[in-house]
Amino acid sequence: MKANLVDARGRSCPEPVLLTKKALTLYKDGVDVLVDNITARENIKRFATNLGYKVNVKENGQDILIEIRKE
């Protein structure tokens, strides 16, 4: 597992956003976040975009990978 991967599957908001925020303090260039629900996906996308990050979403079945990178 990558060091900058946050596995937030099975967690309800706001926990995935809080885990993402914590990871971004450690990995300022970006992180990957794995979630399994649309609410978490949308909240994390909004949060990261508001901080100035570029967000890319990849869906694979139930898993949603959110790639967050510094522009």
Protein backbone atom coordinates (compact mmCIF):
# COMPACT_ATOMS: atom_id res chain seq x y z
CA MET A 1 0.00 0.00 0.00
CA LYS A 2 1.27 3.45 -0.90
CA ALA A 3 2.26 5.70 1.98
CA ASN A 4 0.10 8.53 0.69
CA LEU A 5 -3.03 6.37 0.25
CA VAL A 6 -5.94 7.01 2.61
CA ASP A 7 -8.36 4.09 2.84
CA ALA A 8 -11.62 5.64 4.01
CA ARG A 9 -13.92 2.86 2.78
CA GLY A 10 -16.70 2.04 5.21
CA ARG A 11 -16.49 5.42 6.92
CA SER A 12 -19.20 8.05 6.84
CA CYS A 13 -18.69 11.79 6.53
CA PRO A 14 -17.11 13.82 7.88
CA GLU A 15 -14.47 11.18 8.72
CA PRO A 16 -13.16 10.68 5.13
CA VAL A 17 -12.70 14.44 4.77
CA LEU A 18 -10.90 14.66 8.12
CA LEU A 19 -8.59 11.77 7.15
CA THR A 20 -7.88 13.50 3.84
CA LYS A 21 -7.12 16.77 5.59
CA LYS A 22 -4.69 15.04 7.95
CA ALA A 23 -2.94 13.24 5.07
CA LEU A 24 -2.55 16.48 3.13
CA THR A 25 -0.68 18.02 6.07
CA LEU A 26 1.86 15.20 5.71
CA TYR A 27 1.90 14.89 1.91
CA LYS A 28 1.48 18.45 0.63
CA ASP A 29 1.97 17.46 -3.04
CA GLY A 30 -1.06 15.20 -2.93
CA VAL A 31 -2.68 11.99 -1.76
CA ASP A 32 -4.92 9.23 -3.07
CA VAL A 33 -8.13 8.56 -1.17
CA LEU A 34 -10.18 5.39 -1.47
CA VAL A 35 -13.87 5.67 -0.59
CA ASP A 36 -16.98 3.62 -1.26
CA ASN A 37 -19.81 6.15 -1.28
CA ILE A 38 -20.84 9.12 -3.37
CA THR A 39 -21.25 11.51 -0.44
CA ALA A 40 -17.63 11.04 0.64
CA ARG A 41 -16.49 11.41 -2.99
CA GLU A 42 -18.29 14.72 -3.44
CA ASN A 43 -17.24 16.13 -0.06
CA ILE A 44 -13.57 15.25 -0.61
CA LYS A 45 -13.64 16.66 -4.15
CA ARG A 46 -15.11 19.93 -2.86
CA PHE A 47 -12.66 20.11 0.04
CA ALA A 48 -9.57 19.49 -2.12
CA THR A 49 -10.71 21.84 -4.89
CA ASN A 50 -11.27 24.63 -2.36
CA LEU A 51 -7.66 24.14 -1.21
CA GLY A 52 -6.42 24.55 -4.78
CA TYR A 53 -5.73 20.90 -5.59
CA LYS A 54 -6.49 19.17 -8.88
CA VAL A 55 -8.87 16.23 -8.38
CA ASN A 56 -9.24 13.15 -10.56
CA VAL A 57 -11.81 10.43 -9.78
CA LYS A 58 -11.61 6.80 -10.91
CA GLU A 59 -14.40 4.36 -10.14
CA ASN A 60 -13.95 0.58 -10.06
CA GLY A 61 -17.09 -1.18 -8.91
CA GLN A 62 -17.85 -0.05 -5.35
CA ASP A 63 -14.40 1.49 -4.90
CA ILE A 64 -13.83 5.13 -5.78
CA LEU A 65 -10.23 6.35 -6.02
CA ILE A 66 -9.79 10.10 -5.64
CA GLU A 67 -6.41 11.38 -6.79
CA ILE A 68 -5.57 14.76 -5.27
CA ARG A 69 -2.56 16.61 -6.65
CA LYS A 70 -1.03 20.06 -6.28
CA GLU A 71 -1.44 22.10 -9.46
